[in-house]
Amino acid sequence: MTVIRPNSVSGINSITAQADEIKVFKSNGTQGGLIIGGANLNATSGISTLLALNVTGNVSIAGTLTYQDVTNVDSIGIITARAGVNVSAGQLDVGGNIKLGNAGVITATTFVGNLTGTATQVSLASQSLDTDCFPVFSLTATGNQTLHTKSNRLSFNSATGALSATSFVGDGSNLTGISQVGGSTGVNFNDNTKAQFGTSNDLQIFHNGSHSYIGDYGTGTLRIEGSEIGIISADGSKTMAQFVENGAVSLRHNNGIKFATLTNGVQTTGSEFISEGTIYLEKGGVHHHRILSNDTGNDLGFQQSADNGANTNFTTYLRINNGGNISLPVDSQVLNLGASQDMQLYHNGTDSYILNATGNFRIGQYNNANLKFFTSNSTRWEINGSGHFLPDANNSFDIGSTSLRVRNIYTFDLHLSNEGSKNDVDGTWGDWTLQEGESDMFMINNRSGKKFKIKMEEVS
C-alpha cells in the first residue's frame, strides 16, 4: 500500500496502485473524495458528480443509474421517471409484440382488460385472417361515432344507444332486451331467410324466391286476431275476404260478395259449382245425409246414413241419372205428394202403387189428345179427346171373359157389329142397333135400314 501524506502534491504524472485501487484519505484519517477537473469522485457517499461522461465501451451498472429528470433505472430494466418518458422520434418497442409509435398508435398482438378514458376514435386495422371484430366506443361522445371499418359501415350513438351497421352476422341467440327492430326503411330478409318466433321456431315468415309463407310449424293454433280483418289485393283496391267480429264472414270475387255467413246460415250469390265432390248435411243425434255427384257413375245421388250421428252405411234413396231420369232405387220407398202425404207412389218389390187418400183421384189430359192405357208396352185402350172409351185396335179386346164377367152394363143404345168378321150360323156379318121403346124392344139393321120389333111374352 502506498501512502502520500502531504497536503498537496504536484508534478506527479502518474500513480500506480499495487492492489488495483487508490484510496484518498482526509487529514483526520477518514476516507475522502477526489476532485479532478470539475469531476467530483466522492468515495464516502458513493455518489460522483460529472459534467459529462463519454464511455466508448460497455458500461455495467450493478445498482441504480440516476440522472436529471429520471428517478432511476434499476438493474433489471425498470425505469422510474419524474416527468414521464419522452420518445421524440421512432417508436418504443416492448418485446416483439408491443409497439408504441410517436404518432400515438399502439400496436399489440392482443389487449387484455378494460380500455378506459375518452377517445375520439378507435381504429382497427384490416386483418384478412381475422373473422371477429370487437369495437370500443366512448359513452361520453356525442352523435354517431363511426368505427373506421371498410366504407365506414358501423357506427354507435351513445346518446340513443343505437348501433348501426350494413349487416349483422350470427344467430342472435345471445341478444336480449330487444323491443324494436327496423326503422323508416323496414327490415330486409333475403330469400329463404326466415323470421322465426317461439322457442322451437314455431312461427316462421319467409319468401323462398317464388312464394311467400306464414307457417305455423309448432304447437297450438295460428291465430290472427282483430275486430275486423280483411285480405286485400296487392294494389289495395279490392277486398278478397273479410272477417267482422260478431258479424259476417264474406268471400268475394272481383270485389263482389259471393259467399257470406248469416245469423241463421249462409248466403251465396250467383252460380254454385261442385266438381265431383260430396256435400254432407249433418245434425247431431239423427241420420246424416249427403249428396254425391258421382253416385253409380255420373249420377247425382241423395243418400242417408243408416247410423244415427255418423257418416257411415249410406244408402241412395233418390237418384238423378246422367240422362235426367229420376229414380227411387229402394223398394217400398214412397214418393209422397201433398201436405198430408195425400198421394203416394211406390213399388213394393212385386207391384207398383199409385194411391190417393184425399178427394178425387184424377187422371186426364189438358189438351185435346187421347188418354191411353197400355200393357206389355202396347196400347190397349184409350179415352180419346172427345171422351170416348175405345179399344186401341178393332175387334181385338174384350170386356170380361167367360169366367170373369162384368156384372151389369148400363148403356143408352146397344150397337152390335161384327164387321170384318162373320157369324157362326150363316157366315155373314151384320150391323145392328138395339133400342128400347116404352113397351117394346126394337132392332135396326144398319146395313139395310129395316126396323124390327122383338116379340116378347110377359111372364109376370
Protein backbone atom coordinates (compact mmCIF):
# COMPACT_ATOMS: atom_id res chain seq x y z
CA MET A 1 0.00 0.00 0.00
CA THR A 2 1.42 3.41 -0.95
CA VAL A 3 0.64 6.42 1.30
CA ILE A 4 1.25 10.04 0.29
CA ARG A 5 0.64 12.33 3.27
CA PRO A 6 1.48 15.91 2.23
CA ASN A 7 -1.46 18.37 1.88
CA SER A 8 -0.59 18.98 -1.75
CA VAL A 9 1.29 17.12 -4.35
CA SER A 10 2.42 18.49 -7.68
CA GLY A 11 4.46 17.34 -10.59
CA ILE A 12 3.21 13.77 -10.44
CA ASN A 13 2.18 12.47 -13.89
CA SER A 14 1.03 9.01 -12.84
CA ILE A 15 0.22 6.94 -9.79
CA THR A 16 0.34 3.21 -9.93
CA ALA A 17 -1.53 1.23 -7.33
CA GLN A 18 -0.40 -2.20 -6.32
CA ALA A 19 -3.86 -3.60 -5.36
CA ASP A 20 -5.88 -2.15 -8.30
CA GLU A 21 -7.26 0.63 -6.12
CA ILE A 22 -6.34 4.12 -4.94
CA LYS A 23 -7.81 5.44 -1.73
CA VAL A 24 -7.86 9.09 -0.76
CA PHE A 25 -7.95 9.98 2.94
CA LYS A 26 -8.54 13.27 4.74
CA SER A 27 -6.07 14.72 7.23
CA ASN A 28 -8.19 13.28 10.05
CA GLY A 29 -7.66 9.84 8.64
CA THR A 30 -11.17 9.36 7.18
CA GLN A 31 -11.64 8.44 3.56
CA GLY A 32 -12.45 11.41 1.35
CA GLY A 33 -13.30 12.25 -2.21
CA LEU A 34 -11.28 13.19 -5.25
CA ILE A 35 -11.94 16.24 -7.42
CA ILE A 36 -10.37 16.05 -10.87
CA GLY A 37 -11.10 18.87 -13.35
CA GLY A 38 -14.58 19.57 -12.01
CA ALA A 39 -15.42 15.91 -11.63
CA ASN A 40 -16.24 15.11 -8.04
CA LEU A 41 -15.47 11.49 -7.22
CA ASN A 42 -16.94 11.02 -3.74
CA ALA A 43 -15.65 7.78 -2.25
CA THR A 44 -17.53 8.25 1.04
CA SER A 45 -21.20 8.51 -0.24
CA GLY A 46 -20.51 6.60 -3.43
CA ILE A 47 -22.19 9.40 -5.45
CA SER A 48 -19.98 11.06 -8.04
CA THR A 49 -20.81 14.22 -9.99
CA LEU A 50 -19.66 14.55 -13.60
CA LEU A 51 -20.37 17.27 -16.11
CA ALA A 52 -20.22 14.71 -18.87
CA LEU A 53 -19.38 11.10 -19.26
CA ASN A 54 -18.17 9.65 -22.50
CA VAL A 55 -17.90 5.88 -22.48
CA THR A 56 -16.63 4.29 -25.66
CA GLY A 57 -17.08 0.73 -24.38
CA ASN A 58 -19.61 -1.11 -22.28
CA VAL A 59 -20.96 0.21 -19.02
CA SER A 60 -22.06 -2.27 -16.35
CA ILE A 61 -24.19 -0.93 -13.50
CA ALA A 62 -24.95 -3.26 -10.59
CA GLY A 63 -27.11 -0.72 -8.78
CA THR A 64 -29.23 2.22 -9.95
CA LEU A 65 -28.29 4.83 -12.54
CA THR A 66 -29.69 8.27 -11.63
CA TYR A 67 -29.54 11.33 -13.87
CA GLN A 68 -31.50 14.61 -14.39
CA ASP A 69 -35.38 14.22 -14.69
CA VAL A 70 -35.11 10.43 -14.23
CA THR A 71 -35.73 8.96 -10.84
CA ASN A 72 -33.92 5.69 -11.54
CA VAL A 73 -33.27 2.84 -13.95
CA ASP A 74 -32.69 -0.31 -11.97
CA SER A 75 -30.58 -3.28 -12.87
CA ILE A 76 -33.48 -5.32 -14.40
CA GLY A 77 -34.60 -2.52 -16.74
CA ILE A 78 -37.47 -0.91 -14.76
CA ILE A 79 -37.48 2.86 -15.36
CA THR A 80 -38.92 5.23 -12.77
CA ALA A 81 -39.22 8.71 -14.29
CA ARG A 82 -40.01 12.00 -12.52
CA ALA A 83 -41.88 13.54 -15.52
CA GLY A 84 -42.52 10.54 -17.80
CA VAL A 85 -40.55 9.03 -20.63
CA ASN A 86 -40.43 11.05 -23.86
CA VAL A 87 -39.69 9.26 -27.13
CA SER A 88 -39.25 12.15 -29.53
CA ALA A 89 -38.83 10.06 -32.67
CA GLY A 90 -39.28 6.49 -33.81
CA GLN A 91 -41.17 4.09 -31.59
CA LEU A 92 -40.81 2.31 -28.29
CA ASP A 93 -40.70 -1.48 -28.66
CA VAL A 94 -41.56 -3.78 -25.78
CA GLY A 95 -40.58 -7.26 -26.76
CA GLY A 96 -41.63 -8.31 -30.24
CA ASN A 97 -45.42 -7.91 -29.80
CA ILE A 98 -45.98 -4.35 -28.49
CA LYS A 99 -45.01 -1.19 -30.33
CA LEU A 100 -45.67 2.41 -29.19
CA GLY A 101 -45.23 4.88 -32.05
CA ASN A 102 -44.58 8.61 -31.65
CA ALA A 103 -47.86 9.28 -33.54
CA GLY A 104 -49.82 7.81 -30.65
CA VAL A 105 -50.53 4.43 -32.31
CA ILE A 106 -50.18 1.38 -30.11
CA THR A 107 -49.79 -1.94 -31.89
CA ALA A 108 -50.08 -5.18 -29.97
CA THR A 109 -50.85 -8.83 -30.65
CA THR A 110 -53.61 -8.83 -28.00
CA PHE A 111 -55.15 -6.44 -25.49
CA VAL A 112 -56.38 -7.78 -22.12
CA GLY A 113 -58.56 -5.83 -19.72
CA ASN A 114 -60.76 -2.72 -19.99
CA LEU A 115 -59.83 0.31 -22.08
CA THR A 116 -60.88 3.39 -20.09
CA GLY A 117 -60.79 7.09 -20.71
CA THR A 118 -62.06 9.29 -23.53
CA ALA A 119 -61.12 8.56 -27.13
CA THR A 120 -62.44 10.30 -30.22
CA GLN A 121 -61.54 7.37 -32.43
CA VAL A 122 -60.52 3.74 -32.09
CA SER A 123 -59.20 2.29 -35.37
CA LEU A 124 -58.96 -1.43 -36.03
CA ALA A 125 -56.68 -2.25 -38.90
CA SER A 126 -57.94 -4.64 -41.56
CA GLN A 127 -56.95 -8.18 -40.78
CA SER A 128 -57.64 -10.56 -43.65
CA LEU A 129 -57.30 -13.61 -41.41
CA ASP A 130 -59.47 -12.26 -38.54
CA THR A 131 -63.22 -13.04 -38.52
CA ASP A 132 -64.14 -11.34 -35.24
CA CYS A 133 -64.02 -7.62 -34.54
CA PHE A 134 -64.70 -6.14 -31.08
CA PRO A 135 -65.00 -2.31 -31.41
CA VAL A 136 -64.79 0.07 -28.42
CA PHE A 137 -66.87 3.26 -28.25
CA SER A 138 -66.82 6.18 -25.88
CA LEU A 139 -70.09 6.55 -23.92
CA THR A 140 -69.41 10.26 -23.35
CA ALA A 141 -69.06 11.13 -27.02
CA THR A 142 -71.90 12.97 -28.80
CA GLY A 143 -73.54 11.98 -32.07
CA ASN A 144 -72.70 8.92 -34.15
CA GLN A 145 -69.19 7.65 -33.52
CA THR A 146 -68.02 5.82 -36.62
CA LEU A 147 -65.79 2.82 -36.35
CA HIS A 148 -63.33 3.13 -39.19
CA THR A 149 -64.02 -0.10 -41.00
CA LYS A 150 -64.30 -0.62 -44.72
CA SER A 151 -66.65 2.05 -46.14
CA ASN A 152 -67.48 3.15 -42.54
CA ARG A 153 -70.39 0.71 -42.27
CA LEU A 154 -70.54 0.57 -38.44
CA SER A 155 -71.37 3.41 -36.02
CA PHE A 156 -72.60 3.86 -32.45
CA ASN A 157 -74.68 6.71 -30.99
CA SER A 158 -74.03 6.97 -27.26
CA ALA A 159 -76.98 9.32 -26.71
CA THR A 160 -79.59 6.88 -28.10
CA GLY A 161 -77.67 3.63 -27.61
CA ALA A 162 -78.17 2.82 -31.32
CA LEU A 163 -75.65 0.60 -33.08
CA SER A 164 -75.88 0.87 -36.86
CA ALA A 165 -74.34 -1.43 -39.41
CA THR A 166 -74.84 -2.51 -43.00
CA SER A 167 -75.43 -6.07 -41.80
CA PHE A 168 -75.18 -8.22 -38.68
CA VAL A 169 -73.92 -11.82 -38.79
CA GLY A 170 -74.73 -14.50 -36.23
CA ASP A 171 -77.71 -16.46 -34.91
CA GLY A 172 -78.65 -13.76 -32.40
CA SER A 173 -79.07 -16.30 -29.60
CA ASN A 174 -77.29 -14.02 -27.09
CA LEU A 175 -79.26 -10.87 -27.92
CA THR A 176 -81.57 -9.83 -25.06
CA GLY A 177 -83.76 -6.87 -24.23
CA ILE A 178 -84.65 -6.07 -27.85
CA SER A 179 -88.02 -4.28 -28.00
CA GLN A 180 -87.82 -2.80 -31.51
CA VAL A 181 -86.19 -3.67 -34.83
CA GLY A 182 -86.11 -1.87 -38.13
CA GLY A 183 -86.61 1.77 -38.87
CA SER A 184 -88.00 4.07 -41.54
CA THR A 185 -86.85 1.69 -44.29
CA GLY A 186 -88.01 -1.57 -42.63
CA VAL A 187 -86.21 -4.86 -42.02
CA ASN A 188 -84.93 -6.81 -45.03
CA PHE A 189 -84.59 -10.60 -45.24
CA ASN A 190 -83.05 -12.45 -48.17
CA ASP A 191 -84.85 -15.34 -49.90
CA ASN A 192 -85.24 -18.39 -47.64
CA THR A 193 -84.08 -16.32 -44.63
CA LYS A 194 -86.80 -16.75 -42.05
CA ALA A 195 -88.13 -14.51 -39.33
CA GLN A 196 -88.71 -17.13 -36.63
CA PHE A 197 -90.68 -16.82 -33.40
CA GLY A 198 -91.03 -19.15 -30.44
CA THR A 199 -88.53 -21.28 -28.57
CA SER A 200 -88.81 -24.04 -31.18
CA ASN A 201 -89.17 -21.67 -34.17
CA ASP A 202 -92.92 -22.43 -34.18
CA LEU A 203 -93.90 -19.43 -36.30
CA GLN A 204 -91.93 -18.72 -39.47
CA ILE A 205 -92.30 -15.94 -42.05
CA PHE A 206 -90.20 -16.11 -45.21
CA HIS A 207 -90.05 -15.91 -49.01
CA ASN A 208 -88.42 -18.76 -50.93
CA GLY A 209 -87.84 -16.82 -54.12
CA SER A 210 -91.15 -17.87 -55.67
CA HIS A 211 -93.76 -17.77 -52.92
CA SER A 212 -94.32 -16.11 -49.53
CA TYR A 213 -95.10 -18.16 -46.44
CA ILE A 214 -96.54 -17.61 -42.97
CA GLY A 215 -96.11 -21.02 -41.36
CA ASP A 216 -97.15 -22.45 -38.01
CA TYR A 217 -94.85 -25.44 -37.52
CA GLY A 218 -95.23 -25.93 -33.78
CA THR A 219 -97.91 -26.45 -31.18
CA GLY A 220 -101.19 -24.61 -30.85
CA THR A 221 -103.21 -22.62 -33.38
CA LEU A 222 -102.11 -19.96 -35.83
CA ARG A 223 -104.33 -17.10 -34.61
CA ILE A 224 -104.98 -13.87 -36.49
CA GLU A 225 -106.86 -11.59 -34.09
CA GLY A 226 -108.75 -8.40 -34.79
CA SER A 227 -112.22 -6.84 -34.67
CA GLU A 228 -112.25 -6.64 -38.47
CA ILE A 229 -109.77 -8.49 -40.68
CA GLY A 230 -109.51 -8.10 -44.43
CA ILE A 231 -107.48 -9.85 -47.10
CA ILE A 232 -106.78 -7.20 -49.71
CA SER A 233 -105.44 -7.30 -53.28
CA ALA A 234 -101.81 -6.42 -53.94
CA ASP A 235 -102.67 -2.90 -55.09
CA GLY A 236 -105.01 -2.37 -52.12
CA SER A 237 -108.05 -1.61 -54.30
CA LYS A 238 -110.13 -4.77 -53.76
CA THR A 239 -111.18 -6.88 -50.79
CA MET A 240 -110.87 -10.63 -51.37
CA ALA A 241 -112.10 -11.79 -47.95
CA GLN A 242 -113.42 -10.01 -44.89
CA PHE A 243 -113.96 -11.17 -41.31
CA VAL A 244 -116.02 -8.99 -38.96
CA GLU A 245 -116.25 -9.60 -35.23
CA ASN A 246 -119.84 -10.61 -34.27
CA GLY A 247 -120.74 -10.18 -37.94
CA ALA A 248 -120.42 -11.73 -41.35
CA VAL A 249 -117.57 -13.58 -42.98
CA SER A 250 -117.56 -12.87 -46.70
CA LEU A 251 -115.66 -14.24 -49.67
CA ARG A 252 -115.50 -12.12 -52.79
CA HIS A 253 -114.80 -12.40 -56.49
CA ASN A 254 -113.53 -9.26 -58.16
CA ASN A 255 -114.69 -7.32 -55.07
CA GLY A 256 -118.24 -8.75 -55.29
CA ILE A 257 -119.55 -10.85 -52.38
CA LYS A 258 -120.25 -14.44 -53.50
CA PHE A 259 -120.43 -16.19 -50.13
CA ALA A 260 -121.40 -14.70 -46.77
CA THR A 261 -122.37 -16.07 -43.38
CA LEU A 262 -125.67 -15.04 -41.78
CA THR A 263 -127.07 -15.33 -38.27
CA ASN A 264 -129.01 -18.43 -39.28
CA GLY A 265 -126.86 -19.82 -42.09
CA VAL A 266 -125.05 -18.73 -45.23
CA GLN A 267 -125.93 -16.84 -48.38
CA THR A 268 -124.45 -17.42 -51.82
CA THR A 269 -124.73 -15.11 -54.80
CA GLY A 270 -124.57 -16.39 -58.37
CA SER A 271 -123.98 -19.95 -59.55
CA GLU A 272 -122.52 -22.70 -57.40
CA PHE A 273 -120.22 -25.34 -58.86
CA ILE A 274 -119.11 -28.54 -57.12
CA SER A 275 -116.73 -30.66 -59.19
CA GLU A 276 -117.12 -34.37 -58.39
CA GLY A 277 -117.49 -33.63 -54.73
CA THR A 278 -119.75 -34.64 -51.86
CA ILE A 279 -121.98 -32.40 -49.76
CA TYR A 280 -122.57 -33.61 -46.19
CA LEU A 281 -125.66 -32.49 -44.26
CA GLU A 282 -125.19 -33.31 -40.61
CA LYS A 283 -127.19 -32.93 -37.44
CA GLY A 284 -126.30 -34.44 -34.09
CA GLY A 285 -128.28 -37.49 -32.97
CA VAL A 286 -130.05 -38.13 -36.26
CA HIS A 287 -129.30 -39.80 -39.59
CA HIS A 288 -126.79 -37.86 -41.63
CA HIS A 289 -127.32 -37.10 -45.30
CA ARG A 290 -125.04 -36.47 -48.22
CA ILE A 291 -125.27 -35.55 -51.90
CA LEU A 292 -122.87 -37.26 -54.32
CA SER A 293 -122.06 -36.03 -57.80
CA ASN A 294 -120.73 -39.43 -58.92
CA ASP A 295 -123.20 -41.95 -57.47
CA THR A 296 -123.04 -45.11 -59.69
CA GLY A 297 -121.10 -43.37 -62.42
CA ASN A 298 -122.14 -39.84 -63.28
CA ASP A 299 -125.50 -39.93 -61.46
CA LEU A 300 -126.45 -37.45 -58.75
CA GLY A 301 -127.31 -39.37 -55.61
CA PHE A 302 -129.12 -38.33 -52.43
CA GLN A 303 -128.15 -40.63 -49.58
CA GLN A 304 -128.96 -41.22 -45.93
CA SER A 305 -126.86 -42.91 -43.27
CA ALA A 306 -128.26 -45.96 -41.52
CA ASP A 307 -126.47 -44.91 -38.30
CA ASN A 308 -127.51 -42.02 -36.09
CA GLY A 309 -124.93 -39.25 -35.80
CA ALA A 310 -122.36 -40.91 -38.08
CA ASN A 311 -121.21 -40.71 -41.69
CA THR A 312 -121.38 -44.48 -42.27
CA ASN A 313 -123.55 -47.03 -44.12
CA PHE A 314 -125.08 -44.64 -46.64
CA THR A 315 -127.92 -45.73 -48.95
CA THR A 316 -129.11 -43.87 -52.06
CA TYR A 317 -132.83 -43.12 -51.80
CA LEU A 318 -133.09 -40.65 -54.69
CA ARG A 319 -131.04 -40.64 -57.86
CA ILE A 320 -130.98 -38.34 -60.86
CA ASN A 321 -129.46 -40.28 -63.71
CA ASN A 322 -126.88 -38.92 -66.11
CA GLY A 323 -129.66 -38.59 -68.72
CA GLY A 324 -132.00 -36.73 -66.35
CA ASN A 325 -134.23 -39.61 -65.20
CA ILE A 326 -135.30 -39.53 -61.55
CA SER A 327 -135.47 -42.79 -59.65
CA LEU A 328 -136.27 -44.03 -56.16
CA PRO A 329 -133.98 -47.07 -56.21
CA VAL A 330 -135.17 -48.70 -52.95
CA ASP A 331 -138.29 -50.96 -52.86
CA SER A 332 -141.23 -49.70 -50.78
CA GLN A 333 -139.69 -46.25 -50.76
CA VAL A 334 -142.70 -43.96 -51.06
CA LEU A 335 -142.95 -40.74 -53.01
CA ASN A 336 -145.41 -38.67 -51.01
CA LEU A 337 -147.29 -35.77 -52.58
CA GLY A 338 -149.41 -33.28 -50.70
CA ALA A 339 -149.21 -31.61 -47.31
CA SER A 340 -150.67 -34.71 -45.63
CA GLN A 341 -149.00 -37.24 -47.90
CA ASP A 342 -152.34 -37.48 -49.73
CA MET A 343 -150.92 -39.18 -52.80
CA GLN A 344 -148.34 -41.93 -52.72
CA LEU A 345 -146.33 -43.65 -55.42
CA TYR A 346 -144.16 -46.67 -54.67
CA HIS A 347 -143.12 -50.16 -55.66
CA ASN A 348 -143.06 -52.87 -53.01
CA GLY A 349 -140.75 -55.22 -54.84
CA THR A 350 -143.65 -57.01 -56.59
CA ASP A 351 -146.28 -54.47 -57.55
CA SER A 352 -146.45 -50.76 -58.19
CA TYR A 353 -148.93 -48.49 -56.46
CA ILE A 354 -150.49 -45.09 -57.03
CA LEU A 355 -152.62 -44.23 -54.04
CA ASN A 356 -154.85 -41.29 -53.22
CA ALA A 357 -156.04 -40.56 -49.71
CA THR A 358 -157.98 -37.30 -50.07
CA GLY A 359 -160.55 -36.11 -52.62
CA ASN A 360 -160.94 -37.44 -56.16
CA PHE A 361 -158.16 -39.19 -57.98
CA ARG A 362 -157.98 -37.53 -61.37
CA ILE A 363 -156.08 -38.73 -64.41
CA GLY A 364 -156.57 -36.69 -67.53
CA GLN A 365 -155.35 -34.58 -70.40
CA TYR A 366 -155.30 -30.81 -70.52
CA ASN A 367 -155.17 -30.75 -74.30
CA ASN A 368 -157.39 -32.42 -76.96
CA ALA A 369 -155.44 -35.67 -77.09
CA ASN A 370 -156.12 -39.28 -76.20
CA LEU A 371 -155.54 -40.81 -72.80
CA LYS A 372 -154.08 -44.20 -73.49
CA PHE A 373 -153.74 -47.32 -71.34
CA PHE A 374 -151.22 -49.95 -72.24
CA THR A 375 -149.78 -53.29 -71.15
CA SER A 376 -146.72 -55.17 -72.34
CA ASN A 377 -145.55 -51.87 -73.74
CA SER A 378 -148.54 -51.79 -76.14
CA THR A 379 -151.61 -49.57 -76.02
CA ARG A 380 -154.82 -51.49 -75.30
CA TRP A 381 -157.47 -48.91 -74.55
CA GLU A 382 -157.83 -45.19 -74.80
CA ILE A 383 -160.09 -42.33 -73.98
CA ASN A 384 -159.97 -40.06 -76.96
CA GLY A 385 -160.11 -36.29 -76.92
CA SER A 386 -163.92 -36.38 -77.17
CA GLY A 387 -164.18 -38.57 -74.10
CA HIS A 388 -165.00 -41.88 -75.79
CA PHE A 389 -163.60 -45.11 -74.34
CA LEU A 390 -162.17 -47.04 -77.27
CA PRO A 391 -160.04 -50.10 -77.85
CA ASP A 392 -156.72 -49.33 -79.46
CA ALA A 393 -157.43 -51.94 -82.20
CA ASN A 394 -160.74 -53.08 -83.83
CA ASN A 395 -162.20 -56.42 -82.71
CA SER A 396 -159.15 -57.15 -80.52
CA PHE A 397 -160.02 -56.69 -76.86
CA ASP A 398 -162.82 -57.92 -74.59
CA ILE A 399 -164.58 -56.58 -71.58
CA GLY A 400 -164.81 -59.52 -69.24
CA SER A 401 -164.33 -63.18 -70.10
CA THR A 402 -166.18 -66.50 -69.90
CA SER A 403 -165.10 -66.84 -66.31
CA LEU A 404 -164.81 -63.22 -65.27
CA ARG A 405 -167.93 -61.41 -66.37
CA VAL A 406 -168.99 -57.82 -65.97
CA ARG A 407 -171.95 -57.76 -63.65
CA ASN A 408 -174.02 -55.15 -65.39
CA ILE A 409 -173.63 -52.99 -68.44
CA TYR A 410 -175.59 -49.79 -68.39
CA THR A 411 -175.94 -48.20 -71.84
CA PHE A 412 -178.23 -45.92 -73.78
CA ASP A 413 -178.45 -47.86 -77.11
CA LEU A 414 -176.60 -51.04 -77.74
CA HIS A 415 -174.76 -51.15 -81.05
CA LEU A 416 -173.76 -54.57 -82.32
CA SER A 417 -171.47 -55.13 -85.30
CA ASN A 418 -169.10 -57.86 -86.39
CA GLU A 419 -167.92 -56.05 -89.48
CA GLY A 420 -164.72 -57.54 -90.69
CA SER A 421 -165.71 -60.94 -89.41
CA LYS A 422 -168.69 -63.34 -89.74
CA ASN A 423 -171.12 -65.20 -87.59
CA ASP A 424 -171.15 -68.90 -86.95
CA VAL A 425 -174.68 -69.50 -88.41
CA ASP A 426 -174.76 -68.29 -91.99
CA GLY A 427 -171.26 -66.90 -92.23
CA THR A 428 -172.34 -63.31 -92.83
CA TRP A 429 -171.71 -60.18 -90.85
CA GLY A 430 -174.17 -57.65 -89.59
CA ASP A 431 -174.56 -54.24 -88.07
CA TRP A 432 -177.46 -53.79 -85.69
CA THR A 433 -178.68 -51.30 -83.08
CA LEU A 434 -180.82 -52.37 -80.14
CA GLN A 435 -183.15 -49.64 -78.91
CA GLU A 436 -185.68 -49.52 -76.15
CA GLY A 437 -189.33 -48.45 -76.53
CA GLU A 438 -191.92 -47.85 -73.87
CA SER A 439 -193.36 -51.35 -74.17
CA ASP A 440 -191.25 -52.98 -76.85
CA MET A 441 -187.66 -53.57 -77.93
CA PHE A 442 -186.59 -52.71 -81.44
CA MET A 443 -183.77 -53.86 -83.67
CA ILE A 444 -182.49 -51.71 -86.51
CA ASN A 445 -180.47 -53.27 -89.34
CA ASN A 446 -177.92 -50.62 -90.04
CA ARG A 447 -176.95 -52.32 -93.29
CA SER A 448 -180.46 -52.48 -94.87
CA GLY A 449 -182.19 -49.81 -92.82
CA LYS A 450 -185.03 -52.17 -91.90
CA LYS A 451 -186.55 -51.96 -88.42
CA PHE A 452 -187.95 -54.84 -86.41
CA LYS A 453 -189.89 -55.22 -83.21
CA ILE A 454 -188.95 -58.01 -80.91
CA LYS A 455 -191.85 -60.10 -79.76
CA MET A 456 -191.75 -60.75 -76.07
CA GLU A 457 -194.02 -62.79 -73.78
CA GLU A 458 -194.82 -61.36 -70.43
CA VAL A 459 -194.16 -63.82 -67.63
CA SER A 460 -195.15 -61.78 -64.65
